[in-house]
Amino acid sequence: MEEMNSLVDWSRLQFAITAIYHWLFVPLTLGLSVIVAVMETIYYKTREEKWLACTKFWMTLFGINFAIGVATGLILEFEFGTNWSNYSWFVGDIFGAPLAIEGIFAFFIEATFVAVMFFGWNKVSKGFHLTATWLTAFGASLSALWILVANAWMQYPVGMEFDPAQMRNVMDDFWALFSGVAINKFFHAVFSGWALAGVFVIGVSCWFLYKKRNVEFAIRSIKTGGWVGLIGMLLTMWTGDGSAVEVARTQPMKLAAMEGLYHGQKGQSLVGFGIVNPEKNWDDAEAEYLFKFDIPYGLSILARHDYEAFVPGISDIVKGININEAGDTINTVSYAERIERGKLAQQALRDYDTALKANDEAAMAEAKQRLQQDYKFFGYGYFDSVEEAIPPVGLTFTMFRIMVILGSYFLLFIIVALILAYRKPGTITRQKWLQWVAMISVPFMWLCSQAGWAVAEVGRQPWTVQDLLPTKAAVSAVSSSSVIITFWMFCLIFTALLIAEVSIMVKTTMKESKKNLEIDNH
């Protein structure tokens, strides 16, 4: 058992570090591709060489980031087979279909037209080149769509049926994969990429302002990046609201962990800022928070768009307590009963397998009926106690607040940067404080983005597939030592790639700053 725990922990850690590094590159790719396309559109309409200079500079940074992102993404997909083979078998073609579509369709669109973007200048018409640039941005988002559809299915498994003969899930409704969870997740991730890229462009442009180099170029970039970033941030908040409603509906335990809430009530407040009590357990009388600042009715509004709505806490969910729309207390299935019924479902599957080998069709039918009756709790059968089914509350709670607080800050930051950029000439060049804030803010935007993913993934633990397959049942039958070795190998490789990207971007920016990008069309 100790070896199994070690294997699960190291496999999770390896996948987490790979995903963290990969997500450093993805949102910048999504956002910069749109900003570059907007700049080239302005160039196409105006034929002003100053906009061509802007387009080519930011396109270069996009290309550097795109190349590194592809490398980390390939490794991430391979890990499903190397470290999570039981998961890969269990989900069957349901998870594989979106990944296959992403690789065959979206990636080829992206890869084909990115080549035209970089090598098509003066070889194709300006209109065709502009189309290729927009199709590259479209392809990047399309790639994200299929990845996020697959991820959303893990959070909310629909459109499938479990086949006991194959001992795996099979798809029975492809379009069900595009659930509300998937749609909100996709747009939330893509628009957050726009916001991140907007902050990145503003930060790099403010370095030009600080050095008093290519000032007009920098101001044009701030305006373009700022508008894309502002639109992205507003839409991120809008889709975040939709995601909160979906989480409340499909993953109430995650929502309770996000809030550090153990005992819910009608008209539930939202903790604006606070620290959860690390000693708190779901079934004790300890205080939930060491301290907190509440927003009255906030969580009820966030979760249900109803300030009087009941929002269950961790203890409520474990005990199976909820309130219906009429306000009456009702009993759902407690976690103790879910564990019991999950074990019954697993026993039914074993009975089916025995009957299958004996070619006993009557016993197979009877076992299949019992399995279908309790299958929705199948994953709980792997647990020995309800505590195993509760996510890490402290980390989920903290990451949610980092995401929300930094997101609110960046909305204000982008608005201020845009206002100063549009004021009379010279205003923004004198604002040294803004230039420093902009440059310092860039890494914090990545922290905000990573915190969002931490909420989504840590908050759904211990599941790889919600309610059906926990992480400890999803790993491959490999030695923990091999996972540990590859973990450190990947850490070294990914760190080297990150250092290489940052170094190349900095050198490219320094080199370009010495050029005259202030092209006078007159």
Protein backbone atom coordinates (compact mmCIF):
# COMPACT_ATOMS: atom_id res chain seq x y z
CA MET A 1 0.00 0.00 0.00
CA GLU A 2 2.87 2.38 0.79
CA GLU A 3 4.35 1.71 -2.66
CA MET A 4 0.94 2.39 -4.25
CA ASN A 5 0.57 5.68 -2.38
CA SER A 6 4.05 6.68 -3.48
CA LEU A 7 3.25 5.79 -7.09
CA VAL A 8 0.00 7.77 -7.07
CA ASP A 9 1.58 10.80 -5.42
CA TRP A 10 4.56 10.89 -7.75
CA SER A 11 2.40 10.30 -10.83
CA ARG A 12 0.14 13.16 -9.80
CA LEU A 13 3.14 15.38 -9.10
CA GLN A 14 4.70 14.59 -12.46
CA PHE A 15 1.48 15.32 -14.34
CA ALA A 16 0.97 18.50 -12.31
CA ILE A 17 4.43 19.88 -13.05
CA THR A 18 4.01 19.08 -16.75
CA ALA A 19 0.61 20.80 -16.85
CA ILE A 20 1.92 23.83 -14.94
CA TYR A 21 4.80 24.33 -17.37
CA HIS A 22 2.56 23.74 -20.39
CA TRP A 23 0.04 26.31 -19.15
CA LEU A 24 2.80 28.93 -19.00
CA PHE A 25 2.81 28.91 -22.81
CA VAL A 26 -0.79 28.15 -23.83
CA PRO A 27 -2.60 31.32 -22.68
CA LEU A 28 0.06 33.58 -24.20
CA THR A 29 -0.30 31.71 -27.49
CA LEU A 30 -4.09 32.13 -27.43
CA GLY A 31 -3.92 35.84 -26.65
CA LEU A 32 -0.91 36.94 -28.70
CA SER A 33 -2.30 35.25 -31.81
CA VAL A 34 -5.38 37.49 -31.59
CA ILE A 35 -3.37 40.65 -30.84
CA VAL A 36 -1.08 39.97 -33.81
CA ALA A 37 -4.11 39.37 -36.04
CA VAL A 38 -5.69 42.67 -34.92
CA MET A 39 -2.44 44.55 -35.63
CA GLU A 40 -2.11 43.01 -39.06
CA THR A 41 -5.75 43.85 -39.80
CA ILE A 42 -5.01 47.51 -39.02
CA TYR A 43 -1.95 47.32 -41.28
CA TYR A 44 -4.02 45.75 -44.05
CA LYS A 45 -6.59 48.55 -43.85
CA THR A 46 -4.18 51.47 -43.44
CA ARG A 47 -1.11 50.16 -45.33
CA GLU A 48 0.97 52.05 -42.73
CA GLU A 49 4.41 50.51 -42.25
CA LYS A 50 4.39 51.35 -38.54
CA TRP A 51 1.64 48.74 -38.05
CA LEU A 52 3.64 46.21 -40.06
CA ALA A 53 6.55 46.77 -37.66
CA CYS A 54 4.22 46.18 -34.70
CA THR A 55 2.82 43.03 -36.28
CA LYS A 56 6.21 41.50 -37.03
CA PHE A 57 7.65 42.23 -33.59
CA TRP A 58 4.82 40.65 -31.62
CA MET A 59 4.56 37.84 -34.17
CA THR A 60 8.18 36.95 -33.39
CA LEU A 61 7.45 36.66 -29.66
CA PHE A 62 4.33 34.63 -30.47
CA GLY A 63 6.41 32.20 -32.56
CA ILE A 64 8.96 31.64 -29.80
CA ASN A 65 6.23 30.90 -27.30
CA PHE A 66 4.27 28.71 -29.73
CA ALA A 67 7.24 26.42 -30.41
CA ILE A 68 7.98 25.80 -26.72
CA GLY A 69 4.29 25.23 -25.96
CA VAL A 70 4.03 22.47 -28.57
CA ALA A 71 6.95 20.59 -27.00
CA THR A 72 5.46 20.56 -23.49
CA GLY A 73 1.99 19.71 -24.81
CA LEU A 74 3.21 16.56 -26.56
CA ILE A 75 4.81 15.28 -23.36
CA LEU A 76 1.61 15.99 -21.44
CA GLU A 77 -0.46 13.84 -23.79
CA PHE A 78 2.04 10.97 -23.71
CA GLU A 79 1.76 10.83 -19.91
CA PHE A 80 -1.83 9.59 -20.19
CA GLY A 81 -0.44 6.37 -21.61
CA THR A 82 2.73 6.06 -19.54
CA ASN A 83 1.48 7.08 -16.07
CA TRP A 84 -2.30 6.76 -16.30
CA SER A 85 -2.95 3.68 -18.41
CA ASN A 86 -5.84 2.46 -16.22
CA TYR A 87 -7.48 5.83 -16.73
CA SER A 88 -6.84 5.69 -20.49
CA TRP A 89 -8.48 2.26 -20.68
CA PHE A 90 -11.43 3.22 -18.46
CA VAL A 91 -12.36 6.33 -20.47
CA GLY A 92 -11.89 4.60 -23.81
CA ASP A 93 -12.69 6.56 -26.94
CA ILE A 94 -14.58 9.24 -24.98
CA PHE A 95 -11.40 11.00 -23.94
CA GLY A 96 -9.43 9.85 -26.97
CA ALA A 97 -11.85 11.24 -29.57
CA PRO A 98 -11.43 14.95 -28.66
CA LEU A 99 -7.64 14.52 -28.40
CA ALA A 100 -7.54 12.83 -31.79
CA ILE A 101 -9.61 15.60 -33.36
CA GLU A 102 -7.35 18.19 -31.74
CA GLY A 103 -4.26 16.51 -33.16
CA ILE A 104 -5.56 15.77 -36.65
CA PHE A 105 -7.75 18.78 -37.36
CA ALA A 106 -7.01 21.78 -35.17
CA PHE A 107 -3.25 21.28 -34.87
CA PHE A 108 -2.82 20.92 -38.62
CA ILE A 109 -4.76 24.13 -39.24
CA GLU A 110 -2.59 25.89 -36.70
CA ALA A 111 0.70 24.42 -37.96
CA THR A 112 -0.08 25.01 -41.64
CA PHE A 113 -1.06 28.64 -41.37
CA VAL A 114 1.59 29.56 -38.80
CA ALA A 115 4.12 28.70 -41.53
CA VAL A 116 2.41 31.16 -43.88
CA MET A 117 2.46 33.75 -41.10
CA PHE A 118 6.22 33.62 -40.69
CA PHE A 119 7.45 32.75 -44.16
CA GLY A 120 4.70 34.11 -46.41
CA TRP A 121 5.67 37.79 -46.35
CA ASN A 122 6.14 38.96 -49.96
CA LYS A 123 5.30 35.41 -51.15
CA VAL A 124 1.52 35.57 -50.87
CA SER A 125 -0.90 38.46 -51.16
CA LYS A 126 -1.51 40.70 -48.15
CA GLY A 127 -5.09 39.47 -47.95
CA PHE A 128 -4.06 35.82 -47.96
CA HIS A 129 -1.41 36.49 -45.32
CA LEU A 130 -3.95 38.24 -43.11
CA THR A 131 -6.32 35.29 -43.53
CA ALA A 132 -3.53 32.91 -42.52
CA THR A 133 -2.85 34.97 -39.40
CA TRP A 134 -6.50 34.89 -38.34
CA LEU A 135 -6.71 31.16 -39.10
CA THR A 136 -3.68 30.60 -36.89
CA ALA A 137 -5.50 32.35 -34.05
CA PHE A 138 -8.63 30.35 -34.84
CA GLY A 139 -6.63 27.11 -34.92
CA ALA A 140 -5.06 27.85 -31.54
CA SER A 141 -8.50 28.33 -30.01
CA LEU A 142 -9.82 25.25 -31.79
CA SER A 143 -7.00 23.19 -30.31
CA ALA A 144 -7.94 24.51 -26.88
CA LEU A 145 -11.59 23.62 -27.50
CA TRP A 146 -10.97 19.89 -27.89
CA ILE A 147 -8.55 19.73 -24.97
CA LEU A 148 -11.01 21.54 -22.72
CA VAL A 149 -13.95 19.42 -23.89
CA ALA A 150 -11.96 16.36 -22.83
CA ASN A 151 -11.07 17.96 -19.49
CA ALA A 152 -14.66 19.02 -18.88
CA TRP A 153 -15.82 15.44 -19.45
CA MET A 154 -13.52 14.34 -16.61
CA GLN A 155 -15.22 16.93 -14.40
CA TYR A 156 -18.74 16.09 -15.59
CA PRO A 157 -18.88 12.69 -17.37
CA VAL A 158 -21.79 12.59 -19.81
CA GLY A 159 -22.59 11.10 -23.20
CA MET A 160 -21.38 7.61 -22.34
CA GLU A 161 -22.37 4.22 -21.00
CA PHE A 162 -20.25 1.69 -19.15
CA ASP A 163 -19.79 -1.60 -21.03
CA PRO A 164 -19.04 -4.38 -18.51
CA ALA A 165 -17.89 -6.72 -21.27
CA GLN A 166 -15.06 -4.32 -22.15
CA MET A 167 -14.78 -2.96 -18.60
CA ARG A 168 -14.63 0.56 -20.00
CA ASN A 169 -16.89 3.46 -20.88
CA VAL A 170 -18.11 3.81 -24.45
CA MET A 171 -19.48 6.94 -26.05
CA ASP A 172 -23.17 6.96 -26.94
CA ASP A 173 -23.69 10.70 -27.56
CA PHE A 174 -20.78 12.71 -28.97
CA TRP A 175 -22.59 16.04 -28.78
CA ALA A 176 -23.32 15.58 -25.07
CA LEU A 177 -19.60 16.29 -24.53
CA PHE A 178 -20.38 19.94 -25.30
CA SER A 179 -22.08 20.41 -21.96
CA GLY A 180 -22.48 23.69 -20.12
CA VAL A 181 -19.38 22.77 -18.13
CA ALA A 182 -17.35 22.33 -21.33
CA ILE A 183 -18.58 25.49 -23.04
CA ASN A 184 -17.95 27.70 -20.01
CA LYS A 185 -14.54 26.12 -19.43
CA PHE A 186 -13.51 26.69 -23.05
CA PHE A 187 -14.49 30.34 -23.24
CA HIS A 188 -13.15 31.04 -19.75
CA ALA A 189 -9.73 29.64 -20.69
CA VAL A 190 -9.54 31.35 -24.09
CA PHE A 191 -10.65 34.78 -22.85
CA SER A 192 -8.26 34.55 -19.89
CA GLY A 193 -5.53 34.01 -22.51
CA TRP A 194 -6.54 37.28 -24.16
CA ALA A 195 -6.30 39.02 -20.80
CA LEU A 196 -2.89 37.51 -20.04
CA ALA A 197 -1.50 38.45 -23.44
CA GLY A 198 -2.86 41.99 -23.02
CA VAL A 199 -1.00 42.40 -19.73
CA PHE A 200 2.11 40.87 -21.32
CA VAL A 201 2.04 43.33 -24.24
CA ILE A 202 1.49 46.28 -21.89
CA GLY A 203 4.35 45.12 -19.65
CA VAL A 204 6.85 44.67 -22.49
CA SER A 205 5.75 47.95 -24.09
CA CYS A 206 6.30 49.77 -20.81
CA TRP A 207 9.88 48.52 -20.87
CA PHE A 208 10.30 50.41 -24.16
CA LEU A 209 8.79 53.49 -22.50
CA TYR A 210 11.08 53.14 -19.49
CA LYS A 211 14.11 52.98 -21.80
CA LYS A 212 12.70 55.82 -23.93
CA ARG A 213 12.99 53.70 -27.07
CA ASN A 214 10.40 53.42 -29.85
CA VAL A 215 7.88 55.30 -27.74
CA GLU A 216 5.13 55.60 -30.35
CA PHE A 217 5.51 51.92 -31.19
CA ALA A 218 5.07 51.09 -27.50
CA ILE A 219 1.98 53.29 -27.15
CA ARG A 220 0.36 51.68 -30.21
CA SER A 221 1.08 48.27 -28.72
CA ILE A 222 -0.37 49.28 -25.34
CA LYS A 223 -3.56 50.45 -26.99
CA THR A 224 -4.00 47.28 -29.05
CA GLY A 225 -2.97 44.87 -26.30
CA GLY A 226 -4.97 46.84 -23.75
CA TRP A 227 -8.21 46.62 -25.71
CA VAL A 228 -7.82 42.90 -26.36
CA GLY A 229 -6.87 42.39 -22.71
CA LEU A 230 -9.80 44.45 -21.44
CA ILE A 231 -12.31 42.59 -23.59
CA GLY A 232 -10.70 39.33 -22.53
CA MET A 233 -10.85 40.21 -18.82
CA LEU A 234 -14.50 41.27 -18.94
CA LEU A 235 -15.46 38.11 -20.83
CA THR A 236 -13.35 36.01 -18.44
CA MET A 237 -15.36 37.37 -15.52
CA TRP A 238 -18.62 36.70 -17.36
CA THR A 239 -17.70 33.10 -18.20
CA GLY A 240 -16.31 32.68 -14.69
CA ASP A 241 -19.77 33.47 -13.37
CA GLY A 242 -21.22 30.80 -15.66
CA SER A 243 -18.58 28.33 -14.52
CA ALA A 244 -19.46 28.96 -10.87
CA VAL A 245 -23.11 28.11 -11.60
CA GLU A 246 -22.04 24.89 -13.37
CA VAL A 247 -19.74 23.92 -10.50
CA ALA A 248 -22.55 24.48 -8.00
CA ARG A 249 -24.78 22.21 -10.09
CA THR A 250 -22.34 19.42 -10.98
CA GLN A 251 -19.53 19.56 -8.38
CA PRO A 252 -20.94 20.98 -5.14
CA MET A 253 -18.04 19.55 -3.12
CA LYS A 254 -15.58 21.58 -5.21
CA LEU A 255 -17.60 24.74 -4.60
CA ALA A 256 -17.67 24.05 -0.87
CA ALA A 257 -13.88 23.57 -0.89
CA MET A 258 -13.40 26.78 -2.89
CA GLU A 259 -15.25 28.60 -0.12
CA GLY A 260 -13.92 26.58 2.82
CA LEU A 261 -17.57 26.10 3.73
CA TYR A 262 -18.56 23.21 6.01
CA HIS A 263 -22.09 24.16 7.07
CA GLY A 264 -24.14 25.99 4.45
CA GLN A 265 -27.28 28.03 4.80
CA LYS A 266 -29.79 30.04 2.79
CA GLY A 267 -28.48 33.46 1.84
CA GLN A 268 -24.91 32.18 2.19
CA SER A 269 -22.22 34.85 2.40
CA LEU A 270 -18.99 34.76 0.36
CA VAL A 271 -15.59 35.02 2.04
CA GLY A 272 -13.91 37.96 0.34
CA PHE A 273 -10.66 37.31 2.17
CA GLY A 274 -9.70 34.98 4.97
CA ILE A 275 -7.67 32.00 6.15
CA VAL A 276 -9.23 28.58 6.66
CA ASN A 277 -8.53 26.63 9.82
CA PRO A 278 -6.05 23.85 8.85
CA GLU A 279 -7.16 21.77 11.85
CA LYS A 280 -10.80 21.73 10.77
CA ASN A 281 -12.39 18.37 9.92
CA TRP A 282 -15.79 17.83 8.36
CA ASP A 283 -17.28 16.23 11.48
CA ASP A 284 -15.85 18.31 14.35
CA ALA A 285 -16.84 21.56 16.06
CA GLU A 286 -13.68 23.50 15.19
CA ALA A 287 -14.05 26.96 13.65
CA GLU A 288 -14.01 26.98 9.84
CA TYR A 289 -11.75 30.04 9.51
CA LEU A 290 -8.96 31.65 11.52
CA PHE A 291 -10.38 34.96 10.31
CA LYS A 292 -12.50 36.13 7.40
CA PHE A 293 -14.13 39.10 5.70
CA ASP A 294 -17.62 38.27 4.43
CA ILE A 295 -19.63 39.59 1.50
CA PRO A 296 -23.30 39.12 2.51
CA TYR A 297 -25.32 36.77 0.25
CA GLY A 298 -22.31 36.57 -2.09
CA LEU A 299 -22.03 32.79 -2.44
CA SER A 300 -25.76 32.26 -2.96
CA ILE A 301 -25.69 34.85 -5.75
CA LEU A 302 -22.52 33.38 -7.26
CA ALA A 303 -23.76 29.77 -7.17
CA ARG A 304 -27.46 30.12 -7.93
CA HIS A 305 -28.04 33.78 -8.94
CA ASP A 306 -30.46 33.90 -6.03
CA TYR A 307 -29.54 35.73 -2.84
CA GLU A 308 -31.79 33.43 -0.79
CA ALA A 309 -30.53 30.14 -2.27
CA PHE A 310 -29.16 27.42 -0.02
CA VAL A 311 -25.56 26.43 -0.70
CA PRO A 312 -24.46 23.17 0.97
CA GLY A 313 -21.14 22.94 2.79
CA ILE A 314 -18.73 20.03 3.03
CA SER A 315 -20.41 18.50 6.09
CA ASP A 316 -23.84 18.90 4.48
CA ILE A 317 -22.72 17.12 1.32
CA VAL A 318 -21.01 14.30 3.21
CA LYS A 319 -24.17 13.74 5.25
CA GLY A 320 -26.42 14.01 2.18
CA ILE A 321 -28.26 17.14 3.31
CA ASN A 322 -29.60 19.68 0.82
CA ILE A 323 -32.56 22.01 0.36
CA ASN A 324 -34.88 21.89 -2.63
CA GLU A 325 -36.26 24.87 -4.54
CA ALA A 326 -39.23 25.08 -2.19
CA GLY A 327 -36.87 25.53 0.74
CA ASP A 328 -37.58 22.14 2.27
CA THR A 329 -34.76 20.08 3.76
CA ILE A 330 -34.23 16.89 1.77
CA ASN A 331 -31.84 13.97 2.05
CA THR A 332 -29.66 13.09 -0.90
CA VAL A 333 -27.21 10.18 -0.93
CA SER A 334 -24.65 10.49 1.88
CA TYR A 335 -20.99 9.73 1.22
CA ALA A 336 -21.15 6.69 3.50
CA GLU A 337 -23.98 5.28 1.38
CA ARG A 338 -22.13 6.18 -1.83
CA ILE A 339 -19.13 4.16 -0.64
CA GLU A 340 -21.39 1.22 0.17
CA ARG A 341 -23.20 1.39 -3.17
CA GLY A 342 -19.91 1.86 -5.02
CA LYS A 343 -18.63 -1.39 -3.53
CA LEU A 344 -21.87 -3.09 -4.58
CA ALA A 345 -21.34 -1.81 -8.14
CA GLN A 346 -17.80 -3.14 -8.19
CA GLN A 347 -18.95 -6.51 -6.87
CA ALA A 348 -21.62 -6.60 -9.59
CA LEU A 349 -18.88 -6.01 -12.18
CA ARG A 350 -16.85 -8.89 -10.77
CA ASP A 351 -19.96 -11.09 -10.83
CA TYR A 352 -20.58 -10.11 -14.45
CA ASP A 353 -17.02 -11.04 -15.37
CA THR A 354 -17.39 -14.43 -13.67
CA ALA A 355 -20.69 -15.06 -15.47
CA LEU A 356 -19.15 -13.97 -18.78
CA LYS A 357 -16.36 -16.50 -18.45
CA ALA A 358 -18.94 -19.18 -17.57
CA ASN A 359 -21.15 -18.08 -20.50
CA ASP A 360 -24.07 -17.74 -18.06
CA GLU A 361 -26.30 -15.20 -19.81
CA ALA A 362 -28.91 -15.04 -17.05
CA ALA A 363 -26.30 -14.27 -14.42
CA MET A 364 -24.71 -11.72 -16.75
CA ALA A 365 -28.02 -9.91 -17.20
CA GLU A 366 -28.70 -9.90 -13.46
CA ALA A 367 -25.21 -8.60 -12.64
CA LYS A 368 -25.43 -5.94 -15.33
CA GLN A 369 -28.72 -4.70 -13.93
CA ARG A 370 -27.19 -4.39 -10.45
CA LEU A 371 -24.17 -2.61 -11.91
CA GLN A 372 -26.28 -0.06 -13.79
CA GLN A 373 -28.31 0.59 -10.66
CA ASP A 374 -25.31 1.75 -8.65
CA TYR A 375 -22.80 2.67 -11.36
CA LYS A 376 -22.99 6.42 -10.72
CA PHE A 377 -21.26 5.73 -7.38
CA PHE A 378 -18.76 3.26 -8.84
CA GLY A 379 -15.69 5.30 -7.91
CA TYR A 380 -16.65 5.66 -4.25
CA GLY A 381 -16.17 1.91 -3.87
CA TYR A 382 -12.41 2.47 -3.87
CA PHE A 383 -12.63 4.46 -0.63
CA ASP A 384 -12.56 3.14 2.90
CA SER A 385 -13.68 6.36 4.57
CA VAL A 386 -15.56 9.53 3.57
CA GLU A 387 -12.47 11.64 4.32
CA GLU A 388 -10.83 10.25 1.19
CA ALA A 389 -13.51 11.89 -0.96
CA ILE A 390 -12.95 15.44 0.38
CA PRO A 391 -10.57 17.66 -1.67
CA PRO A 392 -7.70 19.71 -0.16
CA VAL A 393 -9.73 22.58 1.26
CA GLY A 394 -6.93 24.97 2.22
CA LEU A 395 -5.20 24.96 -1.17
CA THR A 396 -8.45 25.20 -3.15
CA PHE A 397 -9.71 28.07 -0.97
CA THR A 398 -6.43 30.00 -1.27
CA MET A 399 -6.03 29.53 -5.02
CA PHE A 400 -9.59 30.70 -5.65
CA ARG A 401 -8.92 33.95 -3.79
CA ILE A 402 -5.60 34.53 -5.54
CA MET A 403 -7.38 34.15 -8.89
CA VAL A 404 -10.26 36.48 -8.01
CA ILE A 405 -8.16 39.17 -6.28
CA LEU A 406 -5.51 39.29 -9.00
CA GLY A 407 -8.17 39.18 -11.72
CA SER A 408 -9.89 42.21 -10.19
CA TYR A 409 -6.56 44.02 -9.96
CA PHE A 410 -5.72 43.35 -13.61
CA LEU A 411 -9.08 44.69 -14.74
CA LEU A 412 -8.29 47.97 -13.00
CA PHE A 413 -4.68 47.91 -14.25
CA ILE A 414 -5.66 47.51 -17.92
CA ILE A 415 -8.25 50.29 -17.67
CA VAL A 416 -5.68 52.68 -16.15
CA ALA A 417 -3.10 51.79 -18.81
CA LEU A 418 -5.59 52.43 -21.61
CA ILE A 419 -6.72 55.76 -20.14
CA LEU A 420 -3.15 57.01 -19.86
CA ALA A 421 -2.27 55.73 -23.35
CA TYR A 422 -5.14 57.75 -24.88
CA ARG A 423 -4.44 60.97 -23.01
CA LYS A 424 -2.49 63.77 -24.66
CA PRO A 425 0.89 62.78 -26.14
CA GLY A 426 3.61 62.27 -23.60
CA THR A 427 1.33 61.55 -20.63
CA ILE A 428 2.05 57.84 -20.35
CA THR A 429 5.77 58.32 -20.99
CA ARG A 430 6.04 60.37 -17.78
CA GLN A 431 4.30 57.79 -15.61
CA LYS A 432 7.33 55.90 -14.29
CA TRP A 433 5.19 54.30 -11.61
CA LEU A 434 2.93 52.75 -14.23
CA GLN A 435 5.89 51.49 -16.21
CA TRP A 436 7.31 49.74 -13.16
CA VAL A 437 3.91 48.38 -12.11
CA ALA A 438 3.31 47.07 -15.64
CA MET A 439 6.63 45.24 -15.81
CA ILE A 440 6.24 43.77 -12.31
CA SER A 441 2.64 42.75 -13.04
CA VAL A 442 3.51 40.40 -15.90
CA PRO A 443 4.55 37.37 -13.77
CA PHE A 444 1.56 37.94 -11.46
CA MET A 445 -0.76 37.52 -14.43
CA TRP A 446 0.65 34.02 -14.88
CA LEU A 447 0.14 33.40 -11.17
CA CYS A 448 -3.52 34.38 -11.61
CA SER A 449 -3.86 32.02 -14.57
CA GLN A 450 -2.17 29.11 -12.79
CA ALA A 451 -4.33 29.69 -9.70
CA GLY A 452 -7.44 29.26 -11.84
CA TRP A 453 -6.26 25.87 -13.05
CA ALA A 454 -5.33 24.87 -9.50
CA VAL A 455 -8.91 25.58 -8.42
CA ALA A 456 -10.30 23.49 -11.28
CA GLU A 457 -8.00 20.50 -10.79
CA VAL A 458 -7.22 20.44 -7.07
CA GLY A 459 -10.84 21.21 -6.22
CA ARG A 460 -12.06 18.03 -7.96
CA GLN A 461 -9.67 15.70 -6.16
CA PRO A 462 -9.54 12.81 -5.48
CA TRP A 463 -11.11 12.17 -8.89
CA THR A 464 -9.68 11.70 -12.36
CA VAL A 465 -13.27 11.12 -13.56
CA GLN A 466 -15.79 12.68 -11.20
CA ASP A 467 -17.53 10.03 -9.02
CA LEU A 468 -16.36 7.17 -11.27
CA LEU A 469 -12.58 6.81 -11.06
CA PRO A 470 -10.31 8.16 -8.29
CA THR A 471 -6.65 8.90 -8.94
CA LYS A 472 -5.44 5.91 -6.93
CA ALA A 473 -7.27 3.56 -9.31
CA ALA A 474 -6.16 5.34 -12.48
CA VAL A 475 -2.37 4.92 -12.40
CA SER A 476 -0.24 2.59 -14.51
CA ALA A 477 1.34 -0.55 -13.11
CA VAL A 478 4.87 0.90 -13.07
CA SER A 479 7.39 1.29 -10.29
CA SER A 480 7.38 4.55 -8.36
CA SER A 481 11.15 4.81 -8.87
CA SER A 482 10.70 5.12 -12.65
CA VAL A 483 8.14 7.90 -12.15
CA ILE A 484 10.47 9.70 -9.73
CA ILE A 485 13.36 9.54 -12.21
CA THR A 486 11.26 10.86 -15.10
CA PHE A 487 9.77 13.52 -12.82
CA TRP A 488 13.18 15.04 -12.18
CA MET A 489 14.13 14.63 -15.83
CA PHE A 490 11.05 16.56 -16.90
CA CYS A 491 11.70 19.23 -14.28
CA LEU A 492 15.17 19.80 -15.74
CA ILE A 493 13.94 19.73 -19.34
CA PHE A 494 10.97 22.04 -18.74
CA THR A 495 13.05 24.47 -16.69
CA ALA A 496 15.64 24.56 -19.46
CA LEU A 497 12.90 25.22 -22.02
CA LEU A 498 11.43 27.98 -19.88
CA ILE A 499 14.84 29.61 -19.39
CA ALA A 500 15.47 29.30 -23.12
CA GLU A 501 12.15 30.95 -23.98
CA VAL A 502 12.57 33.82 -21.55
CA SER A 503 16.17 34.31 -22.69
CA ILE A 504 15.25 34.31 -26.39
CA MET A 505 12.32 36.67 -25.80
CA VAL A 506 14.48 39.09 -23.80
CA LYS A 507 17.26 39.02 -26.41
CA THR A 508 14.73 39.50 -29.21
CA THR A 509 13.15 42.45 -27.40
CA MET A 510 16.55 44.02 -26.67
CA LYS A 511 17.62 43.56 -30.29
CA GLU A 512 14.40 45.00 -31.69
CA SER A 513 14.55 47.95 -29.30
CA LYS A 514 17.78 49.06 -30.97
CA LYS A 515 16.02 49.18 -34.31
CA ASN A 516 14.01 52.16 -35.45
CA LEU A 517 10.40 51.01 -35.22
CA GLU A 518 9.14 54.57 -35.39
CA ILE A 519 8.44 54.50 -39.10
CA ASP A 520 7.16 57.75 -40.54
CA ASN A 521 4.83 57.09 -43.45
CA HIS A 522 5.08 60.68 -44.57
